[in-house]
Amino acid sequence: MDSDEINKYLMAFLSTCLVLLSLNIAAGALFSPPKPAKPGYEIAVTEEPAKGAGPAAPAEQEPIGKLLATADPARGETAARKCAACHTFGKGEPNKVGPNLWGIVGRPRASVPNFNYSAAMKAKGGNWTIDDLNTYLINPKAMIPGTNMTFAGLPRGSERADVIAFLNTRADNPAPLPKAAEAAPATPGPKSAAR
């Protein structure tokens, strides 16, 4: 094969590539979709309320004192396994993604040393009371908007009470929890007849 024939083949190959490239550019210019102003898909769904039904009222939460009267720390330890991915519970254990929870009941908020709390948590101030822990465990972002805690919450009151009872045991001096007799509503005794 002489050099003229090699040049012919190379020229044919390069011409074909050039034609294909030109066609690709022209097709892209003709058939390109317009760029959206905002990336993503818009899905518009309208929900119509049921006939005769007003807006749904939020579910009434049972008082935490009543729930704590029957709470079981052993069940709480099992339920707290959801928290163990981000928190530790033992005295002196290191922080993870979240702070160590030893002694959380009654402890000041954002007070664990060497833990980088969110600005929202630092600004909240105060101590972790049982009522505050209950509210926080229902929905952390609702109680402290801007918190770094991404946990969705514990919607079941009995589960929250079990977890709070377990957390209360993880302290040098656990706080006193309500007893079943204290949490039960007082029932009126029989009325004596007037004489």
Protein backbone atom coordinates (compact mmCIF):
# COMPACT_ATOMS: atom_id res chain seq x y z
CA MET A 1 0.00 0.00 0.00
CA ASP A 2 1.43 3.32 -0.93
CA SER A 3 1.05 6.56 0.97
CA ASP A 4 -1.58 7.99 -1.40
CA GLU A 5 -4.01 5.19 -0.59
CA ILE A 6 -3.44 5.60 3.18
CA ASN A 7 -4.12 9.32 2.84
CA LYS A 8 -7.39 8.59 0.99
CA TYR A 9 -8.61 6.27 3.79
CA LEU A 10 -7.62 8.70 6.53
CA MET A 11 -9.29 11.58 4.65
CA ALA A 12 -12.52 9.55 4.26
CA PHE A 13 -12.50 8.66 7.96
CA LEU A 14 -11.91 12.24 9.09
CA SER A 15 -14.58 13.57 6.69
CA THR A 16 -17.10 11.09 8.10
CA CYS A 17 -16.27 12.19 11.65
CA LEU A 18 -16.62 15.84 10.66
CA VAL A 19 -20.04 15.22 9.04
CA LEU A 20 -21.27 13.29 12.13
CA LEU A 21 -20.07 16.07 14.45
CA SER A 22 -21.83 18.72 12.34
CA LEU A 23 -25.08 16.70 12.36
CA ASN A 24 -24.88 16.28 16.15
CA ILE A 25 -24.41 20.03 16.69
CA ALA A 26 -27.26 20.88 14.31
CA ALA A 27 -29.65 18.32 15.93
CA GLY A 28 -28.79 19.64 19.41
CA ALA A 29 -29.59 23.20 18.32
CA LEU A 30 -32.89 22.21 16.71
CA PHE A 31 -34.23 19.77 19.30
CA SER A 32 -32.88 20.97 22.66
CA PRO A 33 -35.57 21.47 25.34
CA PRO A 34 -35.81 24.86 27.04
CA LYS A 35 -34.01 25.17 30.37
CA PRO A 36 -36.43 25.39 33.33
CA ALA A 37 -36.29 28.45 35.56
CA LYS A 38 -36.11 26.18 38.59
CA PRO A 39 -34.67 22.63 38.37
CA GLY A 40 -36.86 19.68 39.33
CA TYR A 41 -40.42 18.57 38.73
CA GLU A 42 -43.49 20.29 40.06
CA ILE A 43 -46.15 17.95 41.35
CA ALA A 44 -49.29 19.82 42.26
CA VAL A 45 -51.69 17.79 44.38
CA THR A 46 -54.77 19.29 45.92
CA GLU A 47 -56.37 17.51 48.84
CA GLU A 48 -60.02 18.04 49.37
CA PRO A 49 -61.40 17.56 52.88
CA ALA A 50 -64.06 14.92 53.36
CA LYS A 51 -67.60 16.17 53.09
CA GLY A 52 -68.84 17.57 56.38
CA ALA A 53 -65.45 17.22 58.05
CA GLY A 54 -63.61 20.23 59.36
CA PRO A 55 -59.86 20.44 59.73
CA ALA A 56 -58.37 17.55 61.68
CA ALA A 57 -57.64 18.43 65.28
CA PRO A 58 -54.19 17.45 66.58
CA ALA A 59 -54.20 14.30 68.66
CA GLU A 60 -54.44 14.96 72.39
CA GLN A 61 -51.30 13.89 74.21
CA GLU A 62 -51.70 12.12 77.51
CA PRO A 63 -49.90 13.90 80.38
CA ILE A 64 -46.34 12.66 80.75
CA GLY A 65 -46.73 12.30 84.53
CA LYS A 66 -49.48 9.75 84.07
CA LEU A 67 -47.45 7.89 81.44
CA LEU A 68 -44.31 7.87 83.60
CA ALA A 69 -46.23 6.23 86.43
CA THR A 70 -46.46 3.05 84.36
CA ALA A 71 -43.21 3.49 82.37
CA ASP A 72 -40.66 0.69 82.28
CA PRO A 73 -36.95 1.64 82.01
CA ALA A 74 -36.16 -1.80 80.51
CA ARG A 75 -38.60 -1.16 77.65
CA GLY A 76 -37.10 2.33 77.40
CA GLU A 77 -33.62 0.88 77.01
CA THR A 78 -34.88 -1.23 74.12
CA ALA A 79 -36.63 1.76 72.53
CA ALA A 80 -33.52 3.92 73.05
CA ARG A 81 -31.60 1.70 70.63
CA LYS A 82 -32.97 4.06 67.97
CA CYS A 83 -30.97 6.81 69.69
CA ALA A 84 -27.77 4.76 70.07
CA ALA A 85 -26.71 5.47 66.49
CA CYS A 86 -26.07 9.10 67.46
CA HIS A 87 -25.86 9.16 71.28
CA THR A 88 -24.08 7.35 74.10
CA PHE A 89 -25.68 6.77 77.50
CA GLY A 90 -22.86 5.78 79.86
CA LYS A 91 -20.99 8.03 82.24
CA GLY A 92 -17.83 9.37 80.63
CA GLU A 93 -18.56 7.84 77.22
CA PRO A 94 -17.55 9.95 74.22
CA ASN A 95 -19.92 12.07 72.16
CA LYS A 96 -21.01 10.75 68.79
CA VAL A 97 -23.02 12.70 66.22
CA GLY A 98 -25.12 13.78 69.22
CA PRO A 99 -23.97 14.51 72.77
CA ASN A 100 -23.66 11.93 75.55
CA LEU A 101 -27.00 11.64 77.38
CA TRP A 102 -25.71 10.67 80.85
CA GLY A 103 -27.57 12.80 83.39
CA ILE A 104 -29.78 14.53 80.78
CA VAL A 105 -32.80 14.85 83.11
CA GLY A 106 -32.33 18.18 84.89
CA ARG A 107 -29.11 19.05 83.05
CA PRO A 108 -28.73 22.48 81.41
CA ARG A 109 -29.25 22.44 77.64
CA ALA A 110 -26.17 22.57 75.42
CA SER A 111 -23.88 21.84 78.37
CA VAL A 112 -21.86 18.77 77.35
CA PRO A 113 -18.23 19.83 77.03
CA ASN A 114 -16.50 19.45 73.66
CA PHE A 115 -19.76 19.10 71.73
CA ASN A 116 -20.65 21.54 68.95
CA TYR A 117 -24.33 22.37 69.54
CA SER A 118 -26.47 24.21 67.01
CA ALA A 119 -27.01 27.93 67.57
CA ALA A 120 -30.73 27.23 68.12
CA MET A 121 -29.97 24.77 70.94
CA LYS A 122 -27.51 27.16 72.58
CA ALA A 123 -30.03 30.00 72.39
CA LYS A 124 -32.85 27.94 73.94
CA GLY A 125 -31.26 27.88 77.41
CA GLY A 126 -32.81 26.36 80.52
CA ASN A 127 -32.65 22.83 81.87
CA TRP A 128 -33.96 19.58 80.41
CA THR A 129 -37.08 18.96 82.48
CA ILE A 130 -39.17 15.83 82.03
CA ASP A 131 -41.87 17.88 80.27
CA ASP A 132 -39.27 19.44 77.94
CA LEU A 133 -37.80 16.03 77.09
CA ASN A 134 -41.29 14.74 76.36
CA THR A 135 -42.04 17.68 74.04
CA TYR A 136 -38.63 17.40 72.37
CA LEU A 137 -39.01 13.67 71.77
CA ILE A 138 -42.39 14.21 70.08
CA ASN A 139 -40.79 16.40 67.41
CA PRO A 140 -37.33 17.92 68.01
CA LYS A 141 -37.55 20.45 65.15
CA ALA A 142 -40.93 21.73 66.34
CA MET A 143 -39.64 22.46 69.85
CA ILE A 144 -36.30 23.92 68.78
CA PRO A 145 -36.43 25.07 65.14
CA GLY A 146 -32.93 24.99 63.70
CA THR A 147 -31.69 22.11 65.83
CA ASN A 148 -29.20 19.77 64.18
CA MET A 149 -31.10 16.71 65.42
CA THR A 150 -32.68 15.04 62.39
CA PHE A 151 -34.64 12.42 64.36
CA ALA A 152 -38.32 12.41 63.39
CA GLY A 153 -39.55 11.85 66.95
CA LEU A 154 -41.44 9.28 69.01
CA PRO A 155 -45.18 9.74 68.42
CA ARG A 156 -46.35 7.09 70.95
CA GLY A 157 -46.61 8.54 74.46
CA SER A 158 -45.92 5.25 76.24
CA GLU A 159 -42.69 4.79 74.27
CA ARG A 160 -41.55 8.34 75.10
CA ALA A 161 -42.31 7.72 78.79
CA ASP A 162 -40.28 4.48 78.71
CA VAL A 163 -37.33 6.27 77.06
CA ILE A 164 -37.50 9.14 79.58
CA ALA A 165 -37.64 6.63 82.47
CA PHE A 166 -34.56 4.89 81.01
CA LEU A 167 -32.71 8.20 80.53
CA ASN A 168 -33.56 9.12 84.11
CA THR A 169 -31.79 5.95 85.34
CA ARG A 170 -28.65 7.04 83.48
CA ALA A 171 -27.56 9.56 86.12
CA ASP A 172 -25.68 9.75 89.42
CA ASN A 173 -28.84 11.05 91.13
CA PRO A 174 -31.97 10.09 89.15
CA ALA A 175 -34.89 12.52 89.47
CA PRO A 176 -37.99 11.22 91.28
CA LEU A 177 -40.66 10.11 88.83
CA PRO A 178 -44.41 10.14 89.58
CA LYS A 179 -45.87 6.95 91.05
CA ALA A 180 -49.06 5.34 89.76
CA ALA A 181 -51.08 6.52 92.78
CA GLU A 182 -49.87 10.13 92.37
CA ALA A 183 -50.66 10.20 88.65
CA ALA A 184 -54.18 8.79 88.99
CA PRO A 185 -56.87 11.45 89.11
CA ALA A 186 -58.47 11.87 92.50
CA THR A 187 -61.88 10.26 92.69
CA PRO A 188 -64.44 11.92 94.90
CA GLY A 189 -65.55 9.88 97.90
CA PRO A 190 -69.18 9.28 98.85
CA LYS A 191 -70.98 12.37 100.09
CA SER A 192 -72.26 12.25 103.60
CA ALA A 193 -75.92 13.01 104.13
CA ALA A 194 -76.71 16.35 105.72
CA ARG A 195 -78.29 16.10 109.18
